[in-house]
């Protein structure tokens, strides 16, 4: 879960969920006010605006 902590930026807003597994994948995600961080173990962290 350290990847979420090191990736988070103030512009993403506060986290609004805990880290959760994405159904049907090996990915984990965490939703913030303005972005979603997704961690696929094979490619590393991705951030998408919400």
N, C-alpha and C. Protein backbone atom coordinates (compact mmCIF):
# COMPACT_ATOMS: atom_id res chain seq x y z
N UNK A 1 0.81 -1.19 0.00
CA UNK A 1 0.00 0.00 0.00
C UNK A 1 0.86 1.26 0.00
N UNK A 2 2.16 1.11 0.17
CA UNK A 2 3.04 2.26 0.15
C UNK A 2 3.01 3.00 -1.18
N UNK A 3 2.71 2.30 -2.27
CA UNK A 3 2.64 2.96 -3.58
C UNK A 3 1.55 4.02 -3.61
N UNK A 4 0.44 3.77 -2.93
CA UNK A 4 -0.62 4.76 -2.87
C UNK A 4 -0.15 6.00 -2.12
N UNK A 5 0.55 5.80 -1.02
CA UNK A 5 1.01 6.92 -0.19
C UNK A 5 2.03 7.76 -0.96
N UNK A 6 2.95 7.12 -1.65
CA UNK A 6 3.98 7.89 -2.36
C UNK A 6 3.46 8.53 -3.64
N UNK A 7 2.36 8.03 -4.20
CA UNK A 7 1.79 8.58 -5.43
C UNK A 7 0.85 9.74 -5.15
N UNK A 8 0.17 9.74 -4.01
CA UNK A 8 -0.83 10.75 -3.70
C UNK A 8 -0.26 12.16 -3.77
N UNK A 9 -1.04 13.07 -4.37
CA UNK A 9 -0.70 14.49 -4.44
C UNK A 9 -1.89 15.30 -3.92
N UNK A 10 -1.67 16.45 -3.32
CA UNK A 10 -2.78 17.26 -2.80
C UNK A 10 -3.86 17.57 -3.84
N UNK A 11 -3.47 17.71 -5.11
CA UNK A 11 -4.45 18.02 -6.16
C UNK A 11 -5.47 16.90 -6.38
N UNK A 12 -5.19 15.70 -5.88
CA UNK A 12 -6.13 14.58 -6.01
C UNK A 12 -7.27 14.68 -5.00
N UNK A 13 -7.12 15.52 -4.01
CA UNK A 13 -8.12 15.62 -2.95
C UNK A 13 -7.91 14.53 -1.93
N UNK A 14 -8.76 14.55 -0.92
CA UNK A 14 -8.65 13.55 0.15
C UNK A 14 -9.11 12.18 -0.33
N UNK A 15 -8.52 11.11 0.17
CA UNK A 15 -9.02 9.76 -0.13
C UNK A 15 -10.45 9.61 0.40
N UNK A 16 -11.31 8.99 -0.40
CA UNK A 16 -12.70 8.78 -0.01
C UNK A 16 -13.03 7.29 0.16
N UNK A 17 -12.08 6.42 -0.17
CA UNK A 17 -12.25 4.98 0.06
C UNK A 17 -10.95 4.43 0.61
N UNK A 18 -11.03 3.26 1.18
CA UNK A 18 -9.82 2.50 1.48
C UNK A 18 -9.36 1.86 0.19
N UNK A 19 -8.15 1.33 0.16
CA UNK A 19 -7.70 0.56 -1.00
C UNK A 19 -8.57 -0.68 -1.09
N UNK A 20 -9.00 -1.01 -2.32
CA UNK A 20 -9.87 -2.16 -2.52
C UNK A 20 -9.46 -2.93 -3.77
N UNK A 21 -9.70 -4.25 -3.79
CA UNK A 21 -9.39 -5.03 -4.98
C UNK A 21 -10.40 -4.73 -6.08
N UNK A 22 -9.93 -4.61 -7.31
CA UNK A 22 -10.81 -4.38 -8.46
C UNK A 22 -11.32 -5.75 -8.93
N UNK A 23 -12.64 -5.96 -8.90
CA UNK A 23 -13.18 -7.28 -9.25
C UNK A 23 -12.73 -7.76 -10.63
N UNK A 24 -12.40 -9.03 -10.72
CA UNK A 24 -12.01 -9.64 -11.98
C UNK A 24 -10.58 -9.35 -12.43
N UNK A 25 -9.80 -8.67 -11.59
CA UNK A 25 -8.41 -8.35 -11.94
C UNK A 25 -7.52 -8.62 -10.73
N UNK A 26 -6.25 -8.40 -10.91
CA UNK A 26 -5.31 -8.47 -9.78
C UNK A 26 -4.98 -7.06 -9.29
N UNK A 27 -5.71 -6.06 -9.78
CA UNK A 27 -5.46 -4.67 -9.47
C UNK A 27 -6.07 -4.26 -8.14
N UNK A 28 -5.48 -3.21 -7.56
CA UNK A 28 -6.02 -2.55 -6.38
C UNK A 28 -6.29 -1.10 -6.76
N UNK A 29 -7.30 -0.49 -6.15
CA UNK A 29 -7.62 0.90 -6.44
C UNK A 29 -7.90 1.65 -5.15
N UNK A 30 -7.77 2.97 -5.22
CA UNK A 30 -8.11 3.85 -4.12
C UNK A 30 -8.69 5.11 -4.75
N UNK A 31 -9.89 5.49 -4.31
CA UNK A 31 -10.55 6.67 -4.87
C UNK A 31 -10.30 7.87 -3.98
N UNK A 32 -9.98 8.99 -4.63
CA UNK A 32 -9.84 10.28 -3.95
C UNK A 32 -10.95 11.19 -4.47
N UNK A 33 -11.04 12.39 -3.95
CA UNK A 33 -12.08 13.32 -4.38
C UNK A 33 -12.04 13.59 -5.88
N UNK A 34 -10.85 13.74 -6.43
CA UNK A 34 -10.72 14.16 -7.83
C UNK A 34 -9.95 13.19 -8.72
N UNK A 35 -9.55 12.05 -8.19
CA UNK A 35 -8.76 11.10 -8.99
C UNK A 35 -8.92 9.69 -8.43
N UNK A 36 -8.59 8.72 -9.26
CA UNK A 36 -8.53 7.32 -8.83
C UNK A 36 -7.13 6.82 -9.10
N UNK A 37 -6.54 6.22 -8.07
CA UNK A 37 -5.24 5.57 -8.24
C UNK A 37 -5.50 4.08 -8.38
N UNK A 38 -4.91 3.49 -9.42
CA UNK A 38 -5.07 2.06 -9.65
C UNK A 38 -3.69 1.44 -9.69
N UNK A 39 -3.53 0.35 -8.96
CA UNK A 39 -2.24 -0.33 -8.92
C UNK A 39 -2.35 -1.72 -9.54
N UNK A 40 -1.97 -1.86 -10.83
CA UNK A 40 -1.81 -3.18 -11.41
C UNK A 40 -0.40 -3.67 -11.11
N UNK A 41 -0.23 -4.82 -10.47
CA UNK A 41 1.10 -5.26 -10.05
C UNK A 41 2.09 -5.44 -11.20
N UNK A 42 1.61 -5.63 -12.42
CA UNK A 42 2.53 -5.87 -13.53
C UNK A 42 3.07 -4.59 -14.16
N UNK A 43 2.34 -3.47 -14.02
CA UNK A 43 2.79 -2.24 -14.71
C UNK A 43 3.00 -1.06 -13.78
N UNK A 44 2.59 -1.13 -12.54
CA UNK A 44 2.78 -0.03 -11.61
C UNK A 44 1.57 0.90 -11.55
N UNK A 45 1.69 1.91 -10.74
CA UNK A 45 0.60 2.82 -10.42
C UNK A 45 0.15 3.64 -11.61
N UNK A 46 -1.18 3.82 -11.70
CA UNK A 46 -1.77 4.71 -12.72
C UNK A 46 -2.76 5.63 -11.99
N UNK A 47 -2.84 6.88 -12.45
CA UNK A 47 -3.76 7.84 -11.86
C UNK A 47 -4.68 8.35 -12.98
N UNK A 48 -5.98 8.33 -12.71
CA UNK A 48 -6.94 8.85 -13.68
C UNK A 48 -7.83 9.88 -12.98
N UNK A 49 -8.09 11.01 -13.66
CA UNK A 49 -9.00 12.01 -13.09
C UNK A 49 -10.40 11.44 -12.96
N UNK A 50 -11.14 11.94 -11.97
CA UNK A 50 -12.53 11.51 -11.80
C UNK A 50 -13.45 12.66 -12.08
